[in-house]
């Protein structure tokens, strides 16, 4: 069982490393979203997909090792969780500590990833709201009725908003 536990700790540590890579990419994604840098977002998304593929492979390995451990300790693999395994290792404090440490590290990394993803999701929603607002403004300009916007010489200016659009300052 000791080698199975070592394999499990090793797999969990590798998973943590991959999740840490995702945290870095989530941090890189934030300025790309803010700047609207589609090229960078595409590259980051490709990198994320590669990492997710590696995580899925590690997850499969982890499930296999947990199934082997469940067989050794005569437990149902569906109900055997990491917390249960940690409790079962009370008589092996050094192995228990390894498992507790890697579990805590993985939990912390996943929380960082969740927070980064939530921040990026909010930024994307805000960007989509702004795009939607701009589209509605453009549609409203096209469908607005012609009004009596006359110039000094009594000619219709032709724009439903007069010359307001020409005075928009994007720096504000």
N, C-alpha and C. Protein backbone atom coordinates (compact mmCIF):
# COMPACT_ATOMS: atom_id res chain seq x y z
N UNK A 1 0.81 -1.20 0.00
CA UNK A 1 0.00 0.00 0.00
C UNK A 1 0.86 1.26 0.00
N UNK A 2 2.05 1.17 0.56
CA UNK A 2 2.93 2.34 0.65
C UNK A 2 3.27 2.88 -0.74
N UNK A 3 3.54 1.97 -1.67
CA UNK A 3 3.88 2.44 -3.02
C UNK A 3 2.65 3.05 -3.70
N UNK A 4 1.46 2.53 -3.41
CA UNK A 4 0.23 3.11 -3.96
C UNK A 4 0.03 4.53 -3.44
N UNK A 5 0.29 4.72 -2.15
CA UNK A 5 0.17 6.05 -1.56
C UNK A 5 1.19 7.02 -2.15
N UNK A 6 2.41 6.52 -2.36
CA UNK A 6 3.44 7.36 -2.98
C UNK A 6 3.02 7.75 -4.39
N UNK A 7 2.46 6.79 -5.14
CA UNK A 7 1.97 7.09 -6.49
C UNK A 7 0.86 8.14 -6.45
N UNK A 8 -0.05 8.00 -5.50
CA UNK A 8 -1.16 8.94 -5.37
C UNK A 8 -0.64 10.35 -5.06
N UNK A 9 0.29 10.45 -4.12
CA UNK A 9 0.86 11.75 -3.75
C UNK A 9 1.58 12.35 -4.97
N UNK A 10 2.31 11.53 -5.69
CA UNK A 10 3.03 12.01 -6.88
C UNK A 10 2.06 12.53 -7.95
N UNK A 11 0.98 11.80 -8.18
CA UNK A 11 -0.02 12.20 -9.17
C UNK A 11 -0.70 13.50 -8.73
N UNK A 12 -1.07 13.58 -7.46
CA UNK A 12 -1.70 14.80 -6.95
C UNK A 12 -0.76 15.99 -7.04
N UNK A 13 0.52 15.77 -6.80
CA UNK A 13 1.50 16.84 -6.90
C UNK A 13 1.63 17.31 -8.35
N UNK A 14 1.61 16.37 -9.29
CA UNK A 14 1.66 16.74 -10.71
C UNK A 14 0.40 17.50 -11.12
N UNK A 15 -0.74 17.04 -10.61
CA UNK A 15 -1.99 17.75 -10.90
C UNK A 15 -1.91 19.18 -10.37
N UNK A 16 -1.39 19.35 -9.17
CA UNK A 16 -1.25 20.69 -8.59
C UNK A 16 -0.38 21.57 -9.47
N UNK A 17 0.71 21.03 -9.98
CA UNK A 17 1.60 21.78 -10.86
C UNK A 17 0.85 22.25 -12.11
N UNK A 18 0.04 21.36 -12.68
CA UNK A 18 -0.73 21.73 -13.87
C UNK A 18 -1.78 22.79 -13.54
N UNK A 19 -2.43 22.66 -12.39
CA UNK A 19 -3.41 23.68 -11.98
C UNK A 19 -2.73 25.02 -11.71
N UNK A 20 -1.51 24.99 -11.17
CA UNK A 20 -0.76 26.23 -10.98
C UNK A 20 -0.48 26.90 -12.32
N UNK A 21 -0.22 26.09 -13.35
CA UNK A 21 -0.03 26.64 -14.70
C UNK A 21 -1.31 27.31 -15.19
N UNK A 22 -2.45 26.72 -14.86
CA UNK A 22 -3.73 27.33 -15.25
C UNK A 22 -3.95 28.64 -14.51
N UNK A 23 -3.50 28.73 -13.26
CA UNK A 23 -3.63 29.97 -12.51
C UNK A 23 -2.81 31.07 -13.19
N UNK A 24 -1.60 30.73 -13.61
CA UNK A 24 -0.75 31.70 -14.30
C UNK A 24 -1.44 32.17 -15.59
N UNK A 25 -2.02 31.23 -16.34
CA UNK A 25 -2.71 31.60 -17.58
C UNK A 25 -3.94 32.46 -17.30
N UNK A 26 -4.65 32.16 -16.22
CA UNK A 26 -5.81 32.99 -15.86
C UNK A 26 -5.36 34.41 -15.54
N UNK A 27 -4.21 34.55 -14.89
CA UNK A 27 -3.68 35.88 -14.59
C UNK A 27 -3.25 36.60 -15.87
N UNK A 28 -2.71 35.85 -16.84
CA UNK A 28 -2.32 36.44 -18.12
C UNK A 28 -3.55 36.82 -18.95
N UNK A 29 -4.62 36.09 -18.74
CA UNK A 29 -5.84 36.33 -19.51
C UNK A 29 -6.50 37.65 -19.12
N UNK A 30 -6.38 38.05 -17.87
CA UNK A 30 -7.05 39.26 -17.40
C UNK A 30 -6.68 40.50 -18.21
N UNK A 31 -5.39 40.85 -18.37
CA UNK A 31 -5.08 42.03 -19.18
C UNK A 31 -5.47 41.86 -20.65
N UNK A 32 -5.39 40.64 -21.15
CA UNK A 32 -5.78 40.40 -22.55
C UNK A 32 -7.28 40.67 -22.75
N UNK A 33 -8.08 40.31 -21.75
CA UNK A 33 -9.53 40.58 -21.83
C UNK A 33 -9.76 42.09 -21.76
N UNK A 34 -9.08 42.76 -20.85
CA UNK A 34 -9.26 44.20 -20.67
C UNK A 34 -8.86 44.94 -21.95
N UNK A 35 -7.78 44.52 -22.57
CA UNK A 35 -7.29 45.20 -23.78
C UNK A 35 -8.03 44.73 -25.03
N UNK A 36 -8.80 43.65 -24.92
CA UNK A 36 -9.50 43.12 -26.08
C UNK A 36 -8.54 42.47 -27.07
N UNK A 37 -7.46 41.90 -26.57
CA UNK A 37 -6.43 41.28 -27.41
C UNK A 37 -6.84 39.85 -27.76
N UNK A 38 -7.55 39.73 -28.86
CA UNK A 38 -8.10 38.44 -29.28
C UNK A 38 -7.00 37.44 -29.61
N UNK A 39 -5.91 37.91 -30.19
CA UNK A 39 -4.80 37.02 -30.55
C UNK A 39 -4.21 36.37 -29.30
N UNK A 40 -3.96 37.18 -28.28
CA UNK A 40 -3.42 36.65 -27.02
C UNK A 40 -4.42 35.70 -26.35
N UNK A 41 -5.69 36.07 -26.37
CA UNK A 41 -6.72 35.20 -25.78
C UNK A 41 -6.76 33.86 -26.47
N UNK A 42 -6.61 33.86 -27.79
CA UNK A 42 -6.60 32.60 -28.54
C UNK A 42 -5.42 31.72 -28.14
N UNK A 43 -4.24 32.34 -28.01
CA UNK A 43 -3.04 31.59 -27.60
C UNK A 43 -3.20 31.05 -26.18
N UNK A 44 -3.72 31.86 -25.29
CA UNK A 44 -3.92 31.43 -23.91
C UNK A 44 -4.91 30.27 -23.86
N UNK A 45 -5.97 30.36 -24.65
CA UNK A 45 -6.97 29.29 -24.68
C UNK A 45 -6.36 27.99 -25.19
N UNK A 46 -5.51 28.08 -26.20
CA UNK A 46 -4.83 26.88 -26.71
C UNK A 46 -3.96 26.26 -25.61
N UNK A 47 -3.22 27.11 -24.91
CA UNK A 47 -2.36 26.62 -23.82
C UNK A 47 -3.20 25.97 -22.72
N UNK A 48 -4.34 26.58 -22.42
CA UNK A 48 -5.23 26.01 -21.40
C UNK A 48 -5.73 24.63 -21.83
N UNK A 49 -6.06 24.48 -23.09
CA UNK A 49 -6.55 23.19 -23.58
C UNK A 49 -5.49 22.12 -23.44
N UNK A 50 -4.23 22.46 -23.72
CA UNK A 50 -3.14 21.51 -23.55
C UNK A 50 -3.02 21.07 -22.10
N UNK A 51 -3.08 22.03 -21.20
CA UNK A 51 -2.97 21.72 -19.77
C UNK A 51 -4.14 20.88 -19.30
N UNK A 52 -5.35 21.23 -19.75
CA UNK A 52 -6.54 20.47 -19.36
C UNK A 52 -6.41 19.02 -19.84
N UNK A 53 -5.86 18.82 -21.01
CA UNK A 53 -5.64 17.45 -21.51
C UNK A 53 -4.70 16.67 -20.59
N UNK A 54 -3.63 17.33 -20.14
CA UNK A 54 -2.70 16.66 -19.22
C UNK A 54 -3.37 16.38 -17.88
N UNK A 55 -4.20 17.32 -17.42
CA UNK A 55 -4.91 17.12 -16.15
C UNK A 55 -5.86 15.94 -16.26
N UNK A 56 -6.55 15.82 -17.38
CA UNK A 56 -7.47 14.70 -17.57
C UNK A 56 -6.72 13.37 -17.54
N UNK A 57 -5.54 13.35 -18.13
CA UNK A 57 -4.73 12.13 -18.10
C UNK A 57 -4.30 11.81 -16.66
N UNK A 58 -3.88 12.82 -15.92
CA UNK A 58 -3.49 12.61 -14.53
C UNK A 58 -4.70 12.19 -13.68
N UNK A 59 -5.85 12.77 -13.97
CA UNK A 59 -7.06 12.43 -13.22
C UNK A 59 -7.42 10.95 -13.43
N UNK A 60 -7.25 10.48 -14.64
CA UNK A 60 -7.51 9.06 -14.92
C UNK A 60 -6.54 8.18 -14.13
N UNK A 61 -5.28 8.59 -14.10
CA UNK A 61 -4.29 7.84 -13.32
C UNK A 61 -4.63 7.85 -11.84
N UNK A 62 -5.08 9.02 -11.35
CA UNK A 62 -5.45 9.14 -9.94
C UNK A 62 -6.61 8.20 -9.61
N UNK A 63 -7.58 8.15 -10.48
CA UNK A 63 -8.73 7.27 -10.25
C UNK A 63 -8.31 5.80 -10.24
N UNK A 64 -7.38 5.44 -11.10
CA UNK A 64 -6.88 4.06 -11.12
C UNK A 64 -6.15 3.72 -9.82
N UNK A 65 -5.32 4.65 -9.34
CA UNK A 65 -4.59 4.41 -8.08
C UNK A 65 -5.57 4.34 -6.92
N UNK A 66 -6.57 5.22 -6.91
CA UNK A 66 -7.57 5.17 -5.84
C UNK A 66 -8.35 3.86 -5.88
N UNK A 67 -8.62 3.36 -7.08
CA UNK A 67 -9.32 2.07 -7.19
C UNK A 67 -8.45 0.95 -6.62
N UNK A 68 -7.15 0.99 -6.89
CA UNK A 68 -6.24 -0.01 -6.33
C UNK A 68 -6.19 0.09 -4.81
N UNK A 69 -6.13 1.32 -4.30
CA UNK A 69 -6.10 1.51 -2.84
C UNK A 69 -7.41 1.02 -2.23
N UNK A 70 -8.52 1.30 -2.88
CA UNK A 70 -9.83 0.84 -2.38
C UNK A 70 -9.87 -0.68 -2.30
N UNK A 71 -9.28 -1.35 -3.28
CA UNK A 71 -9.23 -2.82 -3.25
C UNK A 71 -8.38 -3.33 -2.09
N UNK A 72 -7.25 -2.66 -1.85
CA UNK A 72 -6.35 -3.08 -0.78
C UNK A 72 -7.01 -2.90 0.59
N UNK A 73 -7.72 -1.79 0.80
CA UNK A 73 -8.33 -1.52 2.11
C UNK A 73 -9.76 -2.03 2.18
N UNK A 74 -10.20 -2.69 1.15
CA UNK A 74 -11.54 -3.30 1.10
C UNK A 74 -12.64 -2.25 1.30
N UNK A 75 -12.56 -1.20 0.49
CA UNK A 75 -13.58 -0.13 0.50
C UNK A 75 -14.14 0.04 -0.90
N UNK A 76 -15.31 0.64 -0.97
CA UNK A 76 -15.91 0.94 -2.25
C UNK A 76 -15.19 2.14 -2.85
N UNK A 77 -14.75 2.01 -4.09
CA UNK A 77 -14.00 3.07 -4.75
C UNK A 77 -14.84 4.35 -4.90
N UNK A 78 -16.16 4.20 -5.01
CA UNK A 78 -17.04 5.36 -5.17
C UNK A 78 -17.14 6.20 -3.89
N UNK A 79 -17.00 5.56 -2.76
CA UNK A 79 -17.13 6.27 -1.49
C UNK A 79 -15.79 6.64 -0.86
N UNK A 80 -14.71 6.11 -1.41
CA UNK A 80 -13.38 6.39 -0.88
C UNK A 80 -12.92 7.77 -1.38
N UNK A 81 -12.86 8.71 -0.49
CA UNK A 81 -12.41 10.07 -0.80
C UNK A 81 -11.07 10.30 -0.15
N UNK A 82 -10.42 11.35 -0.57
CA UNK A 82 -9.10 11.68 -0.03
C UNK A 82 -9.16 11.92 1.47
N UNK A 83 -10.22 12.58 1.92
CA UNK A 83 -10.37 12.84 3.36
C UNK A 83 -10.48 11.53 4.14
N UNK A 84 -11.22 10.56 3.57
CA UNK A 84 -11.34 9.26 4.23
C UNK A 84 -9.99 8.56 4.30
N UNK A 85 -9.25 8.65 3.22
CA UNK A 85 -7.95 8.01 3.17
C UNK A 85 -7.00 8.66 4.18
N UNK A 86 -7.08 9.95 4.32
CA UNK A 86 -6.24 10.65 5.30
C UNK A 86 -6.57 10.17 6.71
N UNK A 87 -7.85 10.00 7.01
CA UNK A 87 -8.26 9.51 8.33
C UNK A 87 -7.79 8.08 8.54
N UNK A 88 -7.81 7.27 7.50
CA UNK A 88 -7.39 5.87 7.62
C UNK A 88 -5.89 5.75 7.90
N UNK A 89 -5.13 6.79 7.59
CA UNK A 89 -3.68 6.73 7.74
C UNK A 89 -3.20 7.26 9.10
N UNK A 90 -4.06 7.27 10.09
CA UNK A 90 -3.68 7.78 11.41
C UNK A 90 -2.49 7.04 12.00
N UNK A 91 -2.35 5.76 11.69
CA UNK A 91 -1.25 4.97 12.25
C UNK A 91 0.03 5.12 11.43
N UNK A 92 -0.02 5.85 10.34
CA UNK A 92 1.15 6.11 9.50
C UNK A 92 1.28 7.63 9.33
N UNK A 93 1.76 8.33 10.36
CA UNK A 93 1.76 9.79 10.35
C UNK A 93 2.58 10.43 9.21
N UNK A 94 3.71 9.82 8.83
CA UNK A 94 4.51 10.43 7.77
C UNK A 94 3.79 10.36 6.43
N UNK A 95 3.14 9.23 6.12
CA UNK A 95 2.37 9.11 4.88
C UNK A 95 1.11 10.00 4.95
N UNK A 96 0.53 10.05 6.12
CA UNK A 96 -0.66 10.89 6.30
C UNK A 96 -0.29 12.36 6.06
N UNK A 97 0.87 12.78 6.60
CA UNK A 97 1.30 14.17 6.43
C UNK A 97 1.54 14.49 4.96
N UNK A 98 2.16 13.59 4.23
CA UNK A 98 2.38 13.82 2.80
C UNK A 98 1.05 14.04 2.07
N UNK A 99 0.10 13.20 2.37
CA UNK A 99 -1.21 13.28 1.73
C UNK A 99 -1.95 14.56 2.15
N UNK A 100 -1.87 14.90 3.43
CA UNK A 100 -2.51 16.12 3.92
C UNK A 100 -1.91 17.35 3.24
N UNK A 101 -0.58 17.37 3.14
CA UNK A 101 0.11 18.52 2.54
C UNK A 101 -0.26 18.70 1.08
N UNK A 102 -0.22 17.62 0.31
CA UNK A 102 -0.52 17.73 -1.12
C UNK A 102 -2.00 18.05 -1.33
N UNK A 103 -2.86 17.53 -0.45
CA UNK A 103 -4.30 17.82 -0.54
C UNK A 103 -4.54 19.31 -0.26
N UNK A 104 -3.90 19.85 0.75
CA UNK A 104 -4.07 21.27 1.09
C UNK A 104 -3.52 22.17 -0.02
N UNK A 105 -2.38 21.78 -0.56
CA UNK A 105 -1.77 22.56 -1.64
C UNK A 105 -2.68 22.57 -2.88
N UNK A 106 -3.22 21.41 -3.22
CA UNK A 106 -4.11 21.30 -4.37
C UNK A 106 -5.39 22.11 -4.15
N UNK A 107 -5.92 22.03 -2.95
CA UNK A 107 -7.15 22.77 -2.62
C UNK A 107 -6.92 24.28 -2.75
N UNK A 108 -5.79 24.75 -2.26
CA UNK A 108 -5.45 26.18 -2.32
C UNK A 108 -5.30 26.62 -3.78
N UNK A 109 -4.61 25.82 -4.59
CA UNK A 109 -4.39 26.17 -5.99
C UNK A 109 -5.71 26.22 -6.76
N UNK A 110 -6.58 25.27 -6.49
CA UNK A 110 -7.87 25.25 -7.18
C UNK A 110 -8.72 26.46 -6.77
N UNK A 111 -8.63 26.87 -5.53
CA UNK A 111 -9.35 28.07 -5.08
C UNK A 111 -8.82 29.31 -5.79
N UNK A 112 -7.49 29.41 -5.96
CA UNK A 112 -6.91 30.53 -6.69
C UNK A 112 -7.41 30.54 -8.14
N UNK A 113 -7.47 29.37 -8.74
CA UNK A 113 -7.95 29.25 -10.11
C UNK A 113 -9.41 29.66 -10.21
N UNK A 114 -10.21 29.24 -9.25
CA UNK A 114 -11.63 29.59 -9.25
C UNK A 114 -11.81 31.10 -9.17
N UNK A 115 -11.04 31.74 -8.29
CA UNK A 115 -11.13 33.19 -8.14
C UNK A 115 -10.71 33.92 -9.41
N UNK A 116 -9.63 33.47 -10.01
CA UNK A 116 -9.17 34.07 -11.27
C UNK A 116 -10.18 33.91 -12.38
N UNK A 117 -10.78 32.72 -12.46
CA UNK A 117 -11.77 32.47 -13.49
C UNK A 117 -13.03 33.31 -13.27
N UNK A 118 -13.42 33.48 -12.02
CA UNK A 118 -14.59 34.32 -11.72
C UNK A 118 -14.33 35.77 -12.12
N UNK A 119 -13.13 36.25 -11.83
CA UNK A 119 -12.77 37.63 -12.20
C UNK A 119 -12.81 37.79 -13.72
N UNK A 120 -12.22 36.83 -14.43
CA UNK A 120 -12.21 36.90 -15.89
C UNK A 120 -13.62 36.77 -16.47
N UNK A 121 -14.43 35.93 -15.87
CA UNK A 121 -15.81 35.79 -16.33
C UNK A 121 -16.56 37.11 -16.18
N UNK A 122 -16.35 37.80 -15.06
CA UNK A 122 -17.01 39.09 -14.85
C UNK A 122 -16.53 40.11 -15.87
N UNK A 123 -15.23 40.11 -16.15
CA UNK A 123 -14.69 41.03 -17.16
C UNK A 123 -15.29 40.74 -18.53
N UNK A 124 -15.42 39.47 -18.87
CA UNK A 124 -16.01 39.10 -20.16
C UNK A 124 -17.48 39.51 -20.23
N UNK A 125 -18.19 39.32 -19.13
CA UNK A 125 -19.60 39.73 -19.11
C UNK A 125 -19.72 41.23 -19.28
N UNK A 126 -18.84 41.98 -18.62
CA UNK A 126 -18.85 43.43 -18.75
C UNK A 126 -18.54 43.84 -20.19
N UNK A 127 -17.56 43.17 -20.80
CA UNK A 127 -17.22 43.48 -22.19
C UNK A 127 -18.38 43.17 -23.13
N UNK A 128 -19.07 42.06 -22.87
CA UNK A 128 -20.23 41.70 -23.70
C UNK A 128 -21.35 42.72 -23.51
N UNK A 129 -21.55 43.19 -22.30
CA UNK A 129 -22.56 44.22 -22.04
C UNK A 129 -22.23 45.50 -22.81
N UNK A 130 -20.95 45.86 -22.84
CA UNK A 130 -20.54 47.06 -23.56
C UNK A 130 -20.75 46.90 -25.06
N UNK A 131 -20.43 45.74 -25.59
CA UNK A 131 -20.65 45.47 -27.02
C UNK A 131 -22.13 45.54 -27.33
N UNK A 132 -22.93 44.94 -26.48
CA UNK A 132 -24.38 44.96 -26.68
C UNK A 132 -24.91 46.39 -26.64
N UNK A 133 -24.44 47.18 -25.69
CA UNK A 133 -24.85 48.57 -25.58
C UNK A 133 -24.49 49.34 -26.85
N UNK A 134 -23.26 49.14 -27.33
CA UNK A 134 -22.82 49.83 -28.55
C UNK A 134 -23.66 49.42 -29.75
N UNK A 135 -23.97 48.13 -29.86
CA UNK A 135 -24.81 47.67 -30.97
C UNK A 135 -26.20 48.30 -30.91
N UNK A 136 -26.75 48.38 -29.73
CA UNK A 136 -28.08 48.99 -29.57
C UNK A 136 -28.04 50.48 -29.93
N UNK A 137 -26.97 51.14 -29.54
CA UNK A 137 -26.82 52.56 -29.89
C UNK A 137 -26.75 52.74 -31.40
N UNK A 138 -25.98 51.89 -32.07
CA UNK A 138 -25.87 52.00 -33.53
C UNK A 138 -27.20 51.71 -34.20
N UNK A 139 -27.91 50.70 -33.70
CA UNK A 139 -29.23 50.39 -34.26
C UNK A 139 -30.20 51.54 -34.03
N UNK A 140 -30.11 52.15 -32.87
CA UNK A 140 -31.00 53.27 -32.57
C UNK A 140 -30.70 54.46 -33.48
N UNK A 141 -29.44 54.68 -33.78
CA UNK A 141 -29.08 55.78 -34.68
C UNK A 141 -29.65 55.55 -36.08
N UNK A 142 -29.59 54.32 -36.54
CA UNK A 142 -30.09 54.01 -37.88
C UNK A 142 -31.61 54.12 -37.95
N UNK A 143 -32.27 53.76 -36.89
CA UNK A 143 -33.73 53.73 -36.93
C UNK A 143 -34.38 54.97 -36.34
N UNK A 144 -33.58 55.92 -35.88
CA UNK A 144 -34.14 57.13 -35.28
C UNK A 144 -34.81 57.97 -36.36
N UNK A 145 -35.90 58.60 -36.06
CA UNK A 145 -36.57 59.43 -37.05
C UNK A 145 -35.76 60.68 -37.35
N UNK A 146 -35.91 61.16 -38.57
CA UNK A 146 -35.21 62.37 -38.97
C UNK A 146 -35.83 63.54 -38.19
N UNK A 147 -35.02 64.31 -37.53
CA UNK A 147 -35.54 65.44 -36.76
C UNK A 147 -35.11 66.74 -37.40
N UNK A 148 -35.63 67.77 -36.91
CA UNK A 148 -35.32 69.08 -37.47
C UNK A 148 -34.05 69.63 -36.84
N UNK A 149 -32.94 69.11 -37.24
CA UNK A 149 -31.65 69.61 -36.78
C UNK A 149 -31.09 70.49 -37.87
N UNK A 150 -31.25 71.76 -37.74
CA UNK A 150 -30.86 72.71 -38.77
C UNK A 150 -29.54 73.35 -38.43
N UNK A 151 -28.82 73.68 -39.48
CA UNK A 151 -27.56 74.41 -39.31
C UNK A 151 -27.88 75.90 -39.26
N UNK A 152 -26.84 76.73 -39.16
CA UNK A 152 -27.04 78.18 -39.09
C UNK A 152 -27.71 78.73 -40.34
N UNK A 153 -27.48 78.08 -41.47
CA UNK A 153 -28.05 78.56 -42.74
C UNK A 153 -29.38 77.89 -43.03
N UNK A 154 -29.99 77.27 -42.04
CA UNK A 154 -31.32 76.66 -42.13
C UNK A 154 -31.36 75.41 -43.00
N UNK A 155 -30.24 74.70 -43.08
CA UNK A 155 -30.24 73.42 -43.76
C UNK A 155 -30.30 72.31 -42.72
N UNK A 156 -30.98 71.20 -43.05
CA UNK A 156 -31.06 70.06 -42.16
C UNK A 156 -29.69 69.41 -42.12
N UNK A 157 -29.18 69.14 -40.93
CA UNK A 157 -27.84 68.56 -40.79
C UNK A 157 -27.81 67.10 -41.21
N UNK A 158 -28.94 66.44 -41.26
CA UNK A 158 -29.02 65.06 -41.75
C UNK A 158 -28.75 64.01 -40.69
N UNK A 159 -28.25 64.38 -39.55
CA UNK A 159 -27.98 63.42 -38.49
C UNK A 159 -29.04 63.57 -37.41
N UNK A 160 -29.63 62.46 -36.96
CA UNK A 160 -30.66 62.57 -35.95
C UNK A 160 -30.16 63.17 -34.64
N UNK A 161 -28.86 63.12 -34.42
CA UNK A 161 -28.30 63.68 -33.19
C UNK A 161 -27.52 64.95 -33.47
N UNK A 162 -27.66 65.50 -34.65
CA UNK A 162 -26.93 66.70 -35.00
C UNK A 162 -25.46 66.39 -35.09
N UNK A 163 -24.65 67.20 -34.50
CA UNK A 163 -23.21 67.01 -34.56
C UNK A 163 -22.67 66.44 -33.26
N UNK A 164 -23.51 65.84 -32.45
CA UNK A 164 -23.11 65.30 -31.15
C UNK A 164 -22.10 64.18 -31.31
N UNK A 165 -22.30 63.30 -32.31
CA UNK A 165 -21.41 62.15 -32.48
C UNK A 165 -20.00 62.59 -32.81
N UNK A 166 -19.85 63.72 -33.49
CA UNK A 166 -18.53 64.20 -33.84
C UNK A 166 -17.77 64.74 -32.65
N UNK A 167 -18.43 65.03 -31.56
CA UNK A 167 -17.79 65.61 -30.39
C UNK A 167 -17.52 64.58 -29.29
N UNK A 168 -17.68 63.32 -29.55
CA UNK A 168 -17.45 62.30 -28.54
C UNK A 168 -15.97 62.16 -28.27
N UNK A 169 -15.60 62.22 -27.03
CA UNK A 169 -14.21 62.10 -26.64
C UNK A 169 -13.99 60.74 -26.01
N UNK A 170 -13.29 59.86 -26.70
CA UNK A 170 -13.07 58.48 -26.22
C UNK A 170 -12.15 58.42 -25.03
N UNK A 171 -11.43 59.49 -24.76
CA UNK A 171 -10.48 59.47 -23.62
C UNK A 171 -11.17 59.61 -22.28
N UNK A 172 -12.43 59.98 -22.29
CA UNK A 172 -13.15 60.18 -21.02
C UNK A 172 -13.52 58.89 -20.39
